[in-house]
Amino acid sequence: MSFPAAAGVLLLGVTGIAFAPIFALMAGWWDVGPSASAFWRMGLAVPLLLGPMIWSRSTKKPEPVEEAAASEPTERTWLLRLCDVLIAGVPGVFLGLDMVAWHTSFLYTPVANATLLANLATLVVSFVGWAFLQERLNWRFPLGVAAALVGIAVLLGVTVDERSTPFGNGMACIAAACYAGYLLGVKIVRRWYSAKWVIFCSSLCGSVVLFPIPLLLGDQMIPSTPIGWLPLLGLAAIPHVAGQGLIIVAMRHLPASIASVMLLAQPVMVAVLGMLILDQSIGLMQGLGGLIVIVGLALAIRGRVV
């Protein structure tokens, strides 16, 4: 897959994951807590992915040579299969921990601040990509990343007030570290496994990590009415299966640093979707922040040295 095609796939994935806050908000209309929504996002993705995986294995054709190194395991002993699941599921564990830390930070610091701090994952991924994955970047990349982060701060209206606590900011930073672990984990395991195997195992392992959290926090797990399952299904299908699935597909063909910085487009997508779906207004400062993000992303992408 060429760089422009992979970048297009990743941006489609970013559009998908931008629906996550909207579906999570809708789930709250039926009394489902935020940590419970995070669990259902990954838990309901497992049966949604299982059917297509079984069907694809039953109708599987010989793979091209270049795809042979990234496929789901076949004809393995149960122990090796378990190892395959655990290895491919490592990114999902990081993603699950990211959700827990991020949602916890909302209780102790403004959502805008938590979102900005969580997006610092880009800095971690970019450094690892440059230092250890031999990704070559020029001066445009750090300048573009800095501009994009400033744009996000303007877009979200980040402030410093009494609601911002060291614990809340610390949890948001932990979320950033976990999300960086997720992206780097995906980049590594995609060398050996197919995208559908990684998204399935990640969803399975991530849901196991997330399951006890709503019980410990006392969040309501079950919607108050049957129709409340619809936003939870939407949360699993669009942001997770479609959005994260496309990101996992693209990550094999993109430098980790470039992929992580392109994910900074998510807050802009969320603002646009909020305007279109929830009738939320976008003010002058929000529009300016979104424009700064887009300019920063374009500059950072041009910082890739081929």
C-alpha atoms as a PDB file:
ATOM      1  CA  MET A   1       0.000   0.000   0.000  1.00  0.00           C
ATOM      2  CA  SER A   2       1.395   3.410  -0.987  1.00  0.00           C
ATOM      3  CA  PHE A   3       1.889   6.232   1.522  1.00  0.00           C
ATOM      4  CA  PRO A   4      -1.039   8.349   0.220  1.00  0.00           C
ATOM      5  CA  ALA A   5      -3.372   5.332   0.260  1.00  0.00           C
ATOM      6  CA  ALA A   6      -2.325   4.340   3.785  1.00  0.00           C
ATOM      7  CA  ALA A   7      -2.734   7.941   4.961  1.00  0.00           C
ATOM      8  CA  GLY A   8      -6.232   8.008   3.471  1.00  0.00           C
ATOM      9  CA  VAL A   9      -7.147   4.762   5.237  1.00  0.00           C
ATOM     10  CA  LEU A  10      -5.846   6.143   8.536  1.00  0.00           C
ATOM     11  CA  LEU A  11      -7.864   9.365   8.148  1.00  0.00           C
ATOM     12  CA  LEU A  12     -10.980   7.260   7.554  1.00  0.00           C
ATOM     13  CA  GLY A  13     -10.129   5.445  10.774  1.00  0.00           C
ATOM     14  CA  VAL A  14      -9.739   8.780  12.584  1.00  0.00           C
ATOM     15  CA  THR A  15     -13.194   9.759  11.339  1.00  0.00           C
ATOM     16  CA  GLY A  16     -14.536   6.497  12.764  1.00  0.00           C
ATOM     17  CA  ILE A  17     -13.009   6.915  16.221  1.00  0.00           C
ATOM     18  CA  ALA A  18     -14.267  10.516  16.332  1.00  0.00           C
ATOM     19  CA  PHE A  19     -17.765   9.048  16.780  1.00  0.00           C
ATOM     20  CA  ALA A  20     -16.720   7.542  20.145  1.00  0.00           C
ATOM     21  CA  PRO A  21     -17.552  10.569  22.362  1.00  0.00           C
ATOM     22  CA  ILE A  22     -20.906  10.969  20.607  1.00  0.00           C
ATOM     23  CA  PHE A  23     -21.963   7.343  21.116  1.00  0.00           C
ATOM     24  CA  ALA A  24     -20.641   7.399  24.700  1.00  0.00           C
ATOM     25  CA  LEU A  25     -22.724  10.518  25.385  1.00  0.00           C
ATOM     26  CA  MET A  26     -25.790   8.839  23.898  1.00  0.00           C
ATOM     27  CA  ALA A  27     -25.180   5.737  26.040  1.00  0.00           C
ATOM     28  CA  GLY A  28     -25.294   8.028  29.068  1.00  0.00           C
ATOM     29  CA  TRP A  29     -28.848   8.986  28.127  1.00  0.00           C
ATOM     30  CA  TRP A  30     -29.769   5.430  29.145  1.00  0.00           C
ATOM     31  CA  ASP A  31     -27.734   5.611  32.383  1.00  0.00           C
ATOM     32  CA  VAL A  32     -24.707   3.616  31.186  1.00  0.00           C
ATOM     33  CA  GLY A  33     -21.582   4.869  32.982  1.00  0.00           C
ATOM     34  CA  PRO A  34     -18.450   5.985  31.100  1.00  0.00           C
ATOM     35  CA  SER A  35     -16.292   3.038  32.203  1.00  0.00           C
ATOM     36  CA  ALA A  36     -19.117   0.642  31.291  1.00  0.00           C
ATOM     37  CA  SER A  37     -19.333   2.254  27.840  1.00  0.00           C
ATOM     38  CA  ALA A  38     -15.584   1.690  27.428  1.00  0.00           C
ATOM     39  CA  PHE A  39     -16.040  -1.997  28.310  1.00  0.00           C
ATOM     40  CA  TRP A  40     -18.949  -2.488  25.899  1.00  0.00           C
ATOM     41  CA  ARG A  41     -16.997  -0.719  23.160  1.00  0.00           C
ATOM     42  CA  MET A  42     -14.435  -3.532  23.192  1.00  0.00           C
ATOM     43  CA  GLY A  43     -16.621  -6.338  24.536  1.00  0.00           C
ATOM     44  CA  LEU A  44     -19.348  -6.045  21.884  1.00  0.00           C
ATOM     45  CA  ALA A  45     -16.666  -5.783  19.201  1.00  0.00           C
ATOM     46  CA  VAL A  46     -15.623  -9.394  19.899  1.00  0.00           C
ATOM     47  CA  PRO A  47     -18.829 -11.056  18.574  1.00  0.00           C
ATOM     48  CA  LEU A  48     -19.015  -8.488  15.766  1.00  0.00           C
ATOM     49  CA  LEU A  49     -15.527  -9.550  14.640  1.00  0.00           C
ATOM     50  CA  LEU A  50     -15.873 -13.267  15.339  1.00  0.00           C
ATOM     51  CA  GLY A  51     -18.423 -13.981  12.596  1.00  0.00           C
ATOM     52  CA  PRO A  52     -16.431 -12.412   9.739  1.00  0.00           C
ATOM     53  CA  MET A  53     -13.241 -14.090  10.993  1.00  0.00           C
ATOM     54  CA  ILE A  54     -14.850 -17.539  10.958  1.00  0.00           C
ATOM     55  CA  TRP A  55     -16.290 -16.896   7.511  1.00  0.00           C
ATOM     56  CA  SER A  56     -12.975 -15.637   6.115  1.00  0.00           C
ATOM     57  CA  ARG A  57     -11.127 -18.687   7.452  1.00  0.00           C
ATOM     58  CA  SER A  58     -13.676 -21.051   5.900  1.00  0.00           C
ATOM     59  CA  THR A  59     -13.295 -19.382   2.491  1.00  0.00           C
ATOM     60  CA  LYS A  60      -9.604 -18.530   2.770  1.00  0.00           C
ATOM     61  CA  LYS A  61      -7.546 -18.438  -0.417  1.00  0.00           C
ATOM     62  CA  PRO A  62      -3.745 -18.629  -0.646  1.00  0.00           C
ATOM     63  CA  GLU A  63      -2.236 -15.298   0.452  1.00  0.00           C
ATOM     64  CA  PRO A  64       0.189 -13.266  -1.660  1.00  0.00           C
ATOM     65  CA  VAL A  65       3.813 -13.691  -0.688  1.00  0.00           C
ATOM     66  CA  GLU A  66       4.082 -10.153   0.701  1.00  0.00           C
ATOM     67  CA  GLU A  67       1.164 -10.807   3.087  1.00  0.00           C
ATOM     68  CA  ALA A  68       2.506 -14.132   4.355  1.00  0.00           C
ATOM     69  CA  ALA A  69       4.377 -12.486   7.205  1.00  0.00           C
ATOM     70  CA  ALA A  70       1.225 -10.810   8.530  1.00  0.00           C
ATOM     71  CA  SER A  71      -1.593 -13.333   8.817  1.00  0.00           C
ATOM     72  CA  GLU A  72      -3.702 -15.029  11.440  1.00  0.00           C
ATOM     73  CA  PRO A  73      -2.122 -18.238  12.791  1.00  0.00           C
ATOM     74  CA  THR A  74      -3.294 -21.557  11.354  1.00  0.00           C
ATOM     75  CA  GLU A  75      -2.650 -25.205  12.247  1.00  0.00           C
ATOM     76  CA  ARG A  76      -1.099 -24.371  15.628  1.00  0.00           C
ATOM     77  CA  THR A  77      -1.179 -26.222  18.915  1.00  0.00           C
ATOM     78  CA  TRP A  78      -3.486 -24.779  21.576  1.00  0.00           C
ATOM     79  CA  LEU A  79      -0.493 -23.410  23.511  1.00  0.00           C
ATOM     80  CA  LEU A  80       0.912 -21.611  20.479  1.00  0.00           C
ATOM     81  CA  ARG A  81      -2.564 -20.308  19.658  1.00  0.00           C
ATOM     82  CA  LEU A  82      -2.841 -18.917  23.185  1.00  0.00           C
ATOM     83  CA  CYS A  83       0.540 -17.232  22.762  1.00  0.00           C
ATOM     84  CA  ASP A  84      -0.641 -15.764  19.447  1.00  0.00           C
ATOM     85  CA  VAL A  85      -3.761 -14.364  21.125  1.00  0.00           C
ATOM     86  CA  LEU A  86      -1.780 -12.859  23.999  1.00  0.00           C
ATOM     87  CA  ILE A  87       0.893 -11.324  21.754  1.00  0.00           C
ATOM     88  CA  ALA A  88      -1.620  -9.851  19.314  1.00  0.00           C
ATOM     89  CA  GLY A  89      -3.753  -8.748  22.265  1.00  0.00           C
ATOM     90  CA  VAL A  90      -1.037  -6.658  23.954  1.00  0.00           C
ATOM     91  CA  PRO A  91      -2.122  -3.444  22.151  1.00  0.00           C
ATOM     92  CA  GLY A  92      -5.669  -3.992  23.414  1.00  0.00           C
ATOM     93  CA  VAL A  93      -4.445  -4.144  27.012  1.00  0.00           C
ATOM     94  CA  PHE A  94      -2.757  -0.759  26.548  1.00  0.00           C
ATOM     95  CA  LEU A  95      -5.900   0.648  24.905  1.00  0.00           C
ATOM     96  CA  GLY A  96      -8.050  -0.619  27.768  1.00  0.00           C
ATOM     97  CA  LEU A  97      -5.733   0.945  30.355  1.00  0.00           C
ATOM     98  CA  ASP A  98      -5.744   4.163  28.327  1.00  0.00           C
ATOM     99  CA  MET A  99      -9.545   4.321  28.496  1.00  0.00           C
ATOM    100  CA  VAL A 100      -9.571   3.674  32.253  1.00  0.00           C
ATOM    101  CA  ALA A 101      -6.953   6.356  32.987  1.00  0.00           C
ATOM    102  CA  TRP A 102      -8.524   8.887  30.618  1.00  0.00           C
ATOM    103  CA  HIS A 103     -12.062   8.456  31.962  1.00  0.00           C
ATOM    104  CA  THR A 104     -10.743   8.657  35.531  1.00  0.00           C
ATOM    105  CA  SER A 105      -8.949  11.917  34.755  1.00  0.00           C
ATOM    106  CA  PHE A 106     -12.293  13.530  33.816  1.00  0.00           C
ATOM    107  CA  LEU A 107     -13.291  13.402  37.492  1.00  0.00           C
ATOM    108  CA  TYR A 108     -10.273  15.437  38.619  1.00  0.00           C
ATOM    109  CA  THR A 109      -9.432  17.802  35.767  1.00  0.00           C
ATOM    110  CA  PRO A 110     -11.377  19.538  32.959  1.00  0.00           C
ATOM    111  CA  VAL A 111     -12.099  17.309  29.952  1.00  0.00           C
ATOM    112  CA  ALA A 112     -10.286  19.752  27.639  1.00  0.00           C
ATOM    113  CA  ASN A 113      -7.106  19.555  29.720  1.00  0.00           C
ATOM    114  CA  ALA A 114      -7.313  15.762  29.925  1.00  0.00           C
ATOM    115  CA  THR A 115      -7.754  15.490  26.155  1.00  0.00           C
ATOM    116  CA  LEU A 116      -4.762  17.725  25.444  1.00  0.00           C
ATOM    117  CA  LEU A 117      -2.525  15.800  27.862  1.00  0.00           C
ATOM    118  CA  ALA A 118      -3.691  12.460  26.426  1.00  0.00           C
ATOM    119  CA  ASN A 119      -2.665  13.637  22.960  1.00  0.00           C
ATOM    120  CA  LEU A 120       0.914  13.988  24.209  1.00  0.00           C
ATOM    121  CA  ALA A 121       1.139  10.307  23.245  1.00  0.00           C
ATOM    122  CA  THR A 122       2.245  11.665  19.872  1.00  0.00           C
ATOM    123  CA  LEU A 123       5.488  12.931  21.431  1.00  0.00           C
ATOM    124  CA  VAL A 124       6.262   9.520  22.944  1.00  0.00           C
ATOM    125  CA  VAL A 125       5.525   7.615  19.727  1.00  0.00           C
ATOM    126  CA  SER A 126       7.490  10.090  17.618  1.00  0.00           C
ATOM    127  CA  PHE A 127      10.554   9.844  19.865  1.00  0.00           C
ATOM    128  CA  VAL A 128      10.468   6.030  19.870  1.00  0.00           C
ATOM    129  CA  GLY A 129       9.969   5.977  16.096  1.00  0.00           C
ATOM    130  CA  TRP A 130      12.930   8.296  15.560  1.00  0.00           C
ATOM    131  CA  ALA A 131      15.249   6.765  18.188  1.00  0.00           C
ATOM    132  CA  PHE A 132      14.498   3.046  17.885  1.00  0.00           C
ATOM    133  CA  LEU A 133      12.525   2.386  14.679  1.00  0.00           C
ATOM    134  CA  GLN A 134      14.930   4.366  12.462  1.00  0.00           C
ATOM    135  CA  GLU A 135      12.231   6.721  11.182  1.00  0.00           C
ATOM    136  CA  ARG A 136      13.819   9.757   9.535  1.00  0.00           C
ATOM    137  CA  LEU A 137      12.284  13.169  10.263  1.00  0.00           C
ATOM    138  CA  ASN A 138      13.369  16.740   9.522  1.00  0.00           C
ATOM    139  CA  TRP A 139      12.728  20.059  11.308  1.00  0.00           C
ATOM    140  CA  ARG A 140       9.221  20.407   9.885  1.00  0.00           C
ATOM    141  CA  PHE A 141       7.960  17.468  11.950  1.00  0.00           C
ATOM    142  CA  PRO A 142       8.507  18.836  15.501  1.00  0.00           C
ATOM    143  CA  LEU A 143       7.327  22.286  14.379  1.00  0.00           C
ATOM    144  CA  GLY A 144       4.146  20.785  12.922  1.00  0.00           C
ATOM    145  CA  VAL A 145       3.482  18.682  16.043  1.00  0.00           C
ATOM    146  CA  ALA A 146       3.910  21.741  18.278  1.00  0.00           C
ATOM    147  CA  ALA A 147       1.510  23.744  16.100  1.00  0.00           C
ATOM    148  CA  ALA A 148      -1.061  20.928  16.125  1.00  0.00           C
ATOM    149  CA  LEU A 149      -0.937  20.663  19.935  1.00  0.00           C
ATOM    150  CA  VAL A 150      -1.366  24.443  20.257  1.00  0.00           C
ATOM    151  CA  GLY A 151      -4.320  24.210  17.879  1.00  0.00           C
ATOM    152  CA  ILE A 152      -5.896  21.470  20.000  1.00  0.00           C
ATOM    153  CA  ALA A 153      -5.481  23.627  23.120  1.00  0.00           C
ATOM    154  CA  VAL A 154      -7.236  26.534  21.371  1.00  0.00           C
ATOM    155  CA  LEU A 155      -9.933  24.250  19.933  1.00  0.00           C
ATOM    156  CA  LEU A 156     -10.736  22.674  23.287  1.00  0.00           C
ATOM    157  CA  GLY A 157     -10.400  25.872  25.307  1.00  0.00           C
ATOM    158  CA  VAL A 158      -7.790  24.493  27.695  1.00  0.00           C
ATOM    159  CA  THR A 159      -7.625  26.488  30.936  1.00  0.00           C
ATOM    160  CA  VAL A 160      -5.776  26.425  34.248  1.00  0.00           C
ATOM    161  CA  ASP A 161      -8.235  26.617  37.150  1.00  0.00           C
ATOM    162  CA  GLU A 162      -9.057  25.081  40.509  1.00  0.00           C
ATOM    163  CA  ARG A 163     -10.690  22.050  38.871  1.00  0.00           C
ATOM    164  CA  SER A 164      -7.313  20.965  37.502  1.00  0.00           C
ATOM    165  CA  THR A 165      -5.572  18.730  40.049  1.00  0.00           C
ATOM    166  CA  PRO A 166      -2.166  17.023  39.920  1.00  0.00           C
ATOM    167  CA  PHE A 167      -3.863  13.625  40.220  1.00  0.00           C
ATOM    168  CA  GLY A 168      -6.200  14.306  37.299  1.00  0.00           C
ATOM    169  CA  ASN A 169      -3.384  15.629  35.125  1.00  0.00           C
ATOM    170  CA  GLY A 170      -1.256  12.643  36.134  1.00  0.00           C
ATOM    171  CA  MET A 171      -3.979  10.206  35.096  1.00  0.00           C
ATOM    172  CA  ALA A 172      -4.250  11.974  31.732  1.00  0.00           C
ATOM    173  CA  CYS A 173      -0.479  11.602  31.282  1.00  0.00           C
ATOM    174  CA  ILE A 174      -0.768   7.899  32.149  1.00  0.00           C
ATOM    175  CA  ALA A 175      -3.472   7.684  29.484  1.00  0.00           C
ATOM    176  CA  ALA A 176      -1.036   9.261  27.017  1.00  0.00           C
ATOM    177  CA  ALA A 177       1.645   6.696  27.885  1.00  0.00           C
ATOM    178  CA  CYS A 178      -0.827   3.828  27.495  1.00  0.00           C
ATOM    179  CA  TYR A 179      -2.090   5.134  24.150  1.00  0.00           C
ATOM    180  CA  ALA A 180       1.497   5.432  22.970  1.00  0.00           C
ATOM    181  CA  GLY A 181       1.979   1.807  24.042  1.00  0.00           C
ATOM    182  CA  TYR A 182      -1.103   0.859  22.033  1.00  0.00           C
ATOM    183  CA  LEU A 183       0.119   2.546  18.841  1.00  0.00           C
ATOM    184  CA  LEU A 184       3.647   1.167  19.149  1.00  0.00           C
ATOM    185  CA  GLY A 185       2.248  -2.266  20.003  1.00  0.00           C
ATOM    186  CA  VAL A 186       0.098  -2.228  16.875  1.00  0.00           C
ATOM    187  CA  LYS A 187       3.091  -1.170  14.781  1.00  0.00           C
ATOM    188  CA  ILE A 188       5.139  -4.104  16.112  1.00  0.00           C
ATOM    189  CA  VAL A 189       2.572  -6.930  16.078  1.00  0.00           C
ATOM    190  CA  ARG A 190       1.410  -5.990  12.568  1.00  0.00           C
ATOM    191  CA  ARG A 191       4.759  -7.351  11.379  1.00  0.00           C
ATOM    192  CA  TRP A 192       3.538 -10.849  12.236  1.00  0.00           C
ATOM    193  CA  TYR A 193      -0.276 -10.818  12.254  1.00  0.00           C
ATOM    194  CA  SER A 194      -3.083  -9.643   9.996  1.00  0.00           C
ATOM    195  CA  ALA A 195      -5.132  -6.568  10.860  1.00  0.00           C
ATOM    196  CA  LYS A 196      -8.285  -8.593  11.565  1.00  0.00           C
ATOM    197  CA  TRP A 197      -6.403 -10.915  13.945  1.00  0.00           C
ATOM    198  CA  VAL A 198      -4.891  -7.950  15.817  1.00  0.00           C
ATOM    199  CA  ILE A 199      -8.199  -6.081  16.192  1.00  0.00           C
ATOM    200  CA  PHE A 200      -9.951  -9.273  17.359  1.00  0.00           C
ATOM    201  CA  CYS A 201      -7.309 -10.243  19.938  1.00  0.00           C
ATOM    202  CA  SER A 202      -6.923  -6.636  21.086  1.00  0.00           C
ATOM    203  CA  SER A 203     -10.672  -6.355  21.629  1.00  0.00           C
ATOM    204  CA  LEU A 204     -10.763  -9.655  23.516  1.00  0.00           C
ATOM    205  CA  CYS A 205      -7.835  -8.851  25.821  1.00  0.00           C
ATOM    206  CA  GLY A 206      -8.887  -5.236  26.275  1.00  0.00           C
ATOM    207  CA  SER A 207     -12.418  -6.200  27.301  1.00  0.00           C
ATOM    208  CA  VAL A 208     -10.991  -8.593  29.917  1.00  0.00           C
ATOM    209  CA  VAL A 209      -8.960  -5.706  31.378  1.00  0.00           C
ATOM    210  CA  LEU A 210     -11.950  -3.341  31.336  1.00  0.00           C
ATOM    211  CA  PHE A 211     -14.628  -5.696  32.709  1.00  0.00           C
ATOM    212  CA  PRO A 212     -13.941  -5.255  36.460  1.00  0.00           C
ATOM    213  CA  ILE A 213     -13.565  -1.462  36.285  1.00  0.00           C
ATOM    214  CA  PRO A 214     -17.297  -0.533  36.073  1.00  0.00           C
ATOM    215  CA  LEU A 215     -18.023  -2.995  38.884  1.00  0.00           C
ATOM    216  CA  LEU A 216     -15.369  -1.397  41.107  1.00  0.00           C
ATOM    217  CA  LEU A 217     -16.548   2.131  40.283  1.00  0.00           C
ATOM    218  CA  GLY A 218     -20.227   1.283  40.655  1.00  0.00           C
ATOM    219  CA  ASP A 219     -21.104   2.336  37.098  1.00  0.00           C
ATOM    220  CA  GLN A 220     -24.356   0.999  35.675  1.00  0.00           C
ATOM    221  CA  MET A 221     -23.530  -1.715  33.136  1.00  0.00           C
ATOM    222  CA  ILE A 222     -26.944  -2.373  31.563  1.00  0.00           C
ATOM    223  CA  PRO A 223     -28.956   0.331  29.736  1.00  0.00           C
ATOM    224  CA  SER A 224     -32.189   1.365  31.424  1.00  0.00           C
ATOM    225  CA  THR A 225     -34.219   0.370  28.326  1.00  0.00           C
ATOM    226  CA  PRO A 226     -33.509  -2.048  25.435  1.00  0.00           C
ATOM    227  CA  ILE A 227     -33.076   0.816  22.958  1.00  0.00           C
ATOM    228  CA  GLY A 228     -30.089   1.919  25.031  1.00  0.00           C
ATOM    229  CA  TRP A 229     -28.119  -0.950  23.487  1.00  0.00           C
ATOM    230  CA  LEU A 230     -28.126   0.840  20.111  1.00  0.00           C
ATOM    231  CA  PRO A 231     -25.496   3.483  21.002  1.00  0.00           C
ATOM    232  CA  LEU A 232     -23.381   0.754  22.628  1.00  0.00           C
ATOM    233  CA  LEU A 233     -23.541  -1.299  19.430  1.00  0.00           C
ATOM    234  CA  GLY A 234     -22.699   1.843  17.477  1.00  0.00           C
ATOM    235  CA  LEU A 235     -19.761   2.465  19.822  1.00  0.00           C
ATOM    236  CA  ALA A 236     -18.430  -1.031  19.132  1.00  0.00           C
ATOM    237  CA  ALA A 237     -19.114  -1.044  15.387  1.00  0.00           C
ATOM    238  CA  ILE A 238     -18.046   2.412  14.196  1.00  0.00           C
ATOM    239  CA  PRO A 239     -15.290   3.789  16.473  1.00  0.00           C
ATOM    240  CA  HIS A 240     -13.799   0.415  17.365  1.00  0.00           C
ATOM    241  CA  VAL A 241     -14.312  -2.195  14.644  1.00  0.00           C
ATOM    242  CA  ALA A 242     -14.304   0.270  11.741  1.00  0.00           C
ATOM    243  CA  GLY A 243     -12.206   3.120  13.159  1.00  0.00           C
ATOM    244  CA  GLN A 244      -9.525   1.209  15.059  1.00  0.00           C
ATOM    245  CA  GLY A 245      -9.624  -1.537  12.427  1.00  0.00           C
ATOM    246  CA  LEU A 246      -8.708   0.908   9.649  1.00  0.00           C
ATOM    247  CA  ILE A 247      -6.003   2.455  11.837  1.00  0.00           C
ATOM    248  CA  ILE A 248      -4.515  -0.998  12.424  1.00  0.00           C
ATOM    249  CA  VAL A 249      -4.561  -1.674   8.669  1.00  0.00           C
ATOM    250  CA  ALA A 250      -2.780   1.613   7.949  1.00  0.00           C
ATOM    251  CA  MET A 251      -0.201   1.304  10.742  1.00  0.00           C
ATOM    252  CA  ARG A 252       1.659  -1.449   8.897  1.00  0.00           C
ATOM    253  CA  HIS A 253       2.323   0.876   5.971  1.00  0.00           C
ATOM    254  CA  LEU A 254       3.021   4.168   7.775  1.00  0.00           C
ATOM    255  CA  PRO A 255       5.843   5.337  10.042  1.00  0.00           C
ATOM    256  CA  ALA A 256       4.638   5.258  13.644  1.00  0.00           C
ATOM    257  CA  SER A 257       5.538   8.931  14.101  1.00  0.00           C
ATOM    258  CA  ILE A 258       3.489  10.052  11.091  1.00  0.00           C
ATOM    259  CA  ALA A 259       0.530   7.847  12.037  1.00  0.00           C
ATOM    260  CA  SER A 260       0.480   9.177  15.595  1.00  0.00           C
ATOM    261  CA  VAL A 261       0.556  12.817  14.515  1.00  0.00           C
ATOM    262  CA  MET A 262      -2.262  12.246  12.013  1.00  0.00           C
ATOM    263  CA  LEU A 263      -4.385  10.980  14.901  1.00  0.00           C
ATOM    264  CA  LEU A 264      -4.289  14.537  16.277  1.00  0.00           C
ATOM    265  CA  ALA A 265      -6.996  15.271  13.711  1.00  0.00           C
ATOM    266  CA  GLN A 266      -9.492  13.471  15.972  1.00  0.00           C
ATOM    267  CA  PRO A 267     -10.484  16.507  18.119  1.00  0.00           C
ATOM    268  CA  VAL A 268     -11.224  18.456  14.925  1.00  0.00           C
ATOM    269  CA  MET A 269     -13.369  15.587  13.635  1.00  0.00           C
ATOM    270  CA  VAL A 270     -15.194  15.393  16.984  1.00  0.00           C
ATOM    271  CA  ALA A 271     -16.001  19.122  16.840  1.00  0.00           C
ATOM    272  CA  VAL A 272     -17.349  18.817  13.288  1.00  0.00           C
ATOM    273  CA  LEU A 273     -19.439  15.730  14.111  1.00  0.00           C
ATOM    274  CA  GLY A 274     -20.762  17.434  17.249  1.00  0.00           C
ATOM    275  CA  MET A 275     -21.944  20.324  15.092  1.00  0.00           C
ATOM    276  CA  LEU A 276     -23.559  18.056  12.486  1.00  0.00           C
ATOM    277  CA  ILE A 277     -25.128  15.455  14.797  1.00  0.00           C
ATOM    278  CA  LEU A 278     -25.630  17.120  18.188  1.00  0.00           C
ATOM    279  CA  ASP A 279     -26.223  20.673  16.888  1.00  0.00           C
ATOM    280  CA  GLN A 280     -23.265  21.970  18.890  1.00  0.00           C
ATOM    281  CA  SER A 281     -21.919  25.322  17.760  1.00  0.00           C
ATOM    282  CA  ILE A 282     -18.327  26.008  16.710  1.00  0.00           C
ATOM    283  CA  GLY A 283     -17.116  29.444  17.784  1.00  0.00           C
ATOM    284  CA  LEU A 284     -14.462  31.639  16.222  1.00  0.00           C
ATOM    285  CA  MET A 285     -11.706  30.405  18.547  1.00  0.00           C
ATOM    286  CA  GLN A 286     -12.665  26.763  17.957  1.00  0.00           C
ATOM    287  CA  GLY A 287     -12.553  27.310  14.207  1.00  0.00           C
ATOM    288  CA  LEU A 288      -9.162  29.004  14.522  1.00  0.00           C
ATOM    289  CA  GLY A 289      -7.881  26.127  16.662  1.00  0.00           C
ATOM    290  CA  GLY A 290      -9.067  23.574  14.106  1.00  0.00           C
ATOM    291  CA  LEU A 291      -7.331  25.493  11.312  1.00  0.00           C
ATOM    292  CA  ILE A 292      -4.072  25.575  13.303  1.00  0.00           C
ATOM    293  CA  VAL A 293      -4.325  21.799  13.836  1.00  0.00           C
ATOM    294  CA  ILE A 294      -4.766  21.174  10.100  1.00  0.00           C
ATOM    295  CA  VAL A 295      -1.810  23.415   9.197  1.00  0.00           C
ATOM    296  CA  GLY A 296       0.314  21.720  11.861  1.00  0.00           C
ATOM    297  CA  LEU A 297      -0.563  18.254  10.570  1.00  0.00           C
ATOM    298  CA  ALA A 298       0.296  19.223   6.993  1.00  0.00           C
ATOM    299  CA  LEU A 299       3.655  20.595   8.147  1.00  0.00           C
ATOM    300  CA  ALA A 300       4.426  17.514  10.270  1.00  0.00           C
ATOM    301  CA  ILE A 301       3.607  15.122   7.419  1.00  0.00           C
ATOM    302  CA  ARG A 302       6.000  17.065   5.186  1.00  0.00           C
ATOM    303  CA  GLY A 303       8.623  16.432   7.852  1.00  0.00           C
ATOM    304  CA  ARG A 304       8.889  12.805   6.764  1.00  0.00           C
ATOM    305  CA  VAL A 305      12.223  12.074   5.084  1.00  0.00           C
ATOM    306  CA  VAL A 306      11.752   9.450   2.362  1.00  0.00           C
END
